[in-house]
C-alpha atoms as a PDB file:
ATOM      1  CA  MET A   1      64.911  26.349 -42.219  1.00  0.00           C
ATOM      2  CA  ASN A   2      68.411  25.795 -43.596  1.00  0.00           C
ATOM      3  CA  THR A   3      69.145  23.473 -40.695  1.00  0.00           C
ATOM      4  CA  PHE A   4      66.063  21.406 -41.540  1.00  0.00           C
ATOM      5  CA  PHE A   5      67.190  20.974 -45.147  1.00  0.00           C
ATOM      6  CA  ALA A   6      70.738  20.129 -44.037  1.00  0.00           C
ATOM      7  CA  VAL A   7      69.423  17.412 -41.707  1.00  0.00           C
ATOM      8  CA  LEU A   8      67.050  16.106 -44.369  1.00  0.00           C
ATOM      9  CA  PHE A   9      69.844  15.991 -46.945  1.00  0.00           C
ATOM     10  CA  GLY A  10      72.174  14.235 -44.500  1.00  0.00           C
ATOM     11  CA  ILE A  11      69.574  11.617 -43.618  1.00  0.00           C
ATOM     12  CA  ALA A  12      68.773  10.951 -47.274  1.00  0.00           C
ATOM     13  CA  TRP A  13      72.455  10.788 -48.233  1.00  0.00           C
ATOM     14  CA  GLY A  14      73.227   8.453 -45.344  1.00  0.00           C
ATOM     15  CA  ALA A  15      70.233   6.283 -46.207  1.00  0.00           C
ATOM     16  CA  ALA A  16      71.515   5.897 -49.755  1.00  0.00           C
ATOM     17  CA  ALA A  17      74.954   4.854 -48.501  1.00  0.00           C
ATOM     18  CA  ALA A  18      73.394   2.446 -45.982  1.00  0.00           C
ATOM     19  CA  PHE A  19      71.266   0.926 -48.726  1.00  0.00           C
ATOM     20  CA  VAL A  20      74.347   0.380 -50.897  1.00  0.00           C
ATOM     21  CA  ASN A  21      76.055  -1.220 -47.892  1.00  0.00           C
ATOM     22  CA  SER A  22      73.129  -3.596 -47.403  1.00  0.00           C
ATOM     23  CA  ARG A  23      73.274  -4.675 -51.054  1.00  0.00           C
ATOM     24  CA  ILE A  24      77.009  -5.346 -50.694  1.00  0.00           C
ATOM     25  CA  ALA A  25      76.370  -7.407 -47.558  1.00  0.00           C
ATOM     26  CA  LYS A  26      73.585  -9.366 -49.252  1.00  0.00           C
ATOM     27  CA  LYS A  27      75.852 -10.257 -52.145  1.00  0.00           C
ATOM     28  CA  ALA A  28      78.644 -11.332 -49.771  1.00  0.00           C
ATOM     29  CA  LEU A  29      76.257 -13.457 -47.701  1.00  0.00           C
ATOM     30  CA  GLY A  30      75.171 -15.250 -50.846  1.00  0.00           C
ATOM     31  CA  LYS A  31      78.725 -16.464 -51.392  1.00  0.00           C
ATOM     32  CA  LYS A  32      78.950 -17.970 -47.860  1.00  0.00           C
ATOM     33  CA  ASP A  33      82.680 -17.354 -47.694  1.00  0.00           C
ATOM     34  CA  ALA A  34      84.649 -15.666 -44.903  1.00  0.00           C
ATOM     35  CA  LYS A  35      86.949 -13.965 -47.398  1.00  0.00           C
ATOM     36  CA  ALA A  36      83.967 -12.529 -49.281  1.00  0.00           C
ATOM     37  CA  ALA A  37      82.547 -11.160 -46.028  1.00  0.00           C
ATOM     38  CA  LYS A  38      85.870  -9.577 -45.145  1.00  0.00           C
ATOM     39  CA  ASN A  39      86.181  -7.968 -48.572  1.00  0.00           C
ATOM     40  CA  ALA A  40      82.564  -6.814 -48.419  1.00  0.00           C
ATOM     41  CA  ARG A  41      83.232  -5.026 -45.134  1.00  0.00           C
ATOM     42  CA  ARG A  42      86.208  -3.267 -46.724  1.00  0.00           C
ATOM     43  CA  VAL A  43      84.069  -2.113 -49.629  1.00  0.00           C
ATOM     44  CA  GLN A  44      81.370  -0.954 -47.203  1.00  0.00           C
ATOM     45  CA  MET A  45      83.924   1.180 -45.364  1.00  0.00           C
ATOM     46  CA  LEU A  46      85.000   2.697 -48.682  1.00  0.00           C
ATOM     47  CA  VAL A  47      81.357   3.495 -49.492  1.00  0.00           C
ATOM     48  CA  ASP A  48      80.953   5.198 -46.102  1.00  0.00           C
ATOM     49  CA  ILE A  49      84.131   7.217 -46.541  1.00  0.00           C
ATOM     50  CA  ALA A  50      83.226   8.204 -50.103  1.00  0.00           C
ATOM     51  CA  ALA A  51      79.746   9.344 -49.050  1.00  0.00           C
ATOM     52  CA  LEU A  52      81.152  11.538 -46.286  1.00  0.00           C
ATOM     53  CA  VAL A  53      84.041  12.904 -48.328  1.00  0.00           C
ATOM     54  CA  LEU A  54      81.619  13.880 -51.085  1.00  0.00           C
ATOM     55  CA  ILE A  55      79.657  16.030 -48.638  1.00  0.00           C
ATOM     56  CA  VAL A  56      82.871  17.755 -47.576  1.00  0.00           C
ATOM     57  CA  LEU A  57      83.908  18.319 -51.194  1.00  0.00           C
ATOM     58  CA  LEU A  58      80.497  19.811 -52.017  1.00  0.00           C
ATOM     59  CA  ARG A  59      80.546  22.170 -49.028  1.00  0.00           C
ATOM     60  CA  ASN A  60      80.916  25.280 -51.197  1.00  0.00           C
ATOM     61  CA  ILE A  61      78.013  24.261 -53.430  1.00  0.00           C
ATOM     62  CA  LEU A  62      75.530  23.190 -50.750  1.00  0.00           C
ATOM     63  CA  PRO A  63      73.088  25.968 -49.798  1.00  0.00           C
ATOM     64  CA  PHE A  64      73.137  24.938 -46.128  1.00  0.00           C
ATOM     65  CA  SER A  65      75.565  24.049 -43.381  1.00  0.00           C
ATOM     66  CA  TYR A  66      77.642  21.116 -44.533  1.00  0.00           C
ATOM     67  CA  GLU A  67      78.604  20.337 -40.919  1.00  0.00           C
ATOM     68  CA  THR A  68      74.980  19.640 -40.038  1.00  0.00           C
ATOM     69  CA  ALA A  69      74.537  17.545 -43.171  1.00  0.00           C
ATOM     70  CA  LEU A  70      77.736  15.642 -42.377  1.00  0.00           C
ATOM     71  CA  VAL A  71      76.689  14.807 -38.821  1.00  0.00           C
ATOM     72  CA  SER A  72      73.211  13.786 -40.024  1.00  0.00           C
ATOM     73  CA  ALA A  73      74.738  11.553 -42.682  1.00  0.00           C
ATOM     74  CA  ILE A  74      77.062   9.910 -40.161  1.00  0.00           C
ATOM     75  CA  ILE A  75      74.173   9.134 -37.822  1.00  0.00           C
ATOM     76  CA  SER A  76      71.991   7.957 -40.694  1.00  0.00           C
ATOM     77  CA  ILE A  77      74.669   5.652 -42.099  1.00  0.00           C
ATOM     78  CA  SER A  78      75.314   4.149 -38.680  1.00  0.00           C
ATOM     79  CA  VAL A  79      71.708   3.552 -37.699  1.00  0.00           C
ATOM     80  CA  LEU A  80      70.297   2.546 -41.074  1.00  0.00           C
ATOM     81  CA  THR A  81      73.122   0.128 -41.864  1.00  0.00           C
ATOM     82  CA  ILE A  82      72.211  -1.733 -38.672  1.00  0.00           C
ATOM     83  CA  VAL A  83      68.492  -1.615 -39.510  1.00  0.00           C
ATOM     84  CA  PHE A  84      69.014  -2.834 -43.081  1.00  0.00           C
ATOM     85  CA  LEU A  85      71.266  -5.668 -41.900  1.00  0.00           C
ATOM     86  CA  MET A  86      68.694  -6.720 -39.298  1.00  0.00           C
ATOM     87  CA  ILE A  87      66.031  -6.826 -42.017  1.00  0.00           C
ATOM     88  CA  LEU A  88      68.421  -8.776 -44.239  1.00  0.00           C
ATOM     89  CA  GLY A  89      69.055 -11.250 -41.413  1.00  0.00           C
ATOM     90  CA  LYS A  90      65.342 -11.828 -40.883  1.00  0.00           C
ATOM     91  CA  ASN A  91      64.817 -12.543 -44.578  1.00  0.00           C
ATOM     92  CA  ASN A  92      67.545 -15.226 -44.686  1.00  0.00           C
END
C-alpha cells in the first residue's frame, strides 16, 4: 500500500511541475521571440530540478519510499510535459 501512495504522490507532484512548465511555455510562445523561448526552457529545467530536489529533501518526512516517488515524478514530468505541450500546440 505504501508503494501505491508513493507512486500516486510522484505522479501528482510531477503533474504539478509539468503544468507549471506548460504555463511557462505558453507565456514564452506569446512573446514570439527566440530568446524568450530559450529563457523559458532554462526556467522549465529549474522547475524540474526544484521539484525533484524537494522530494529528496523531504525523504525523512514522507511516510513512504521516496525513491519510488522520485521515479514516479520523473516519469510524470517527462510524459505530462510532452502531453501538455501537444495540447498547447493544438490550441494555437
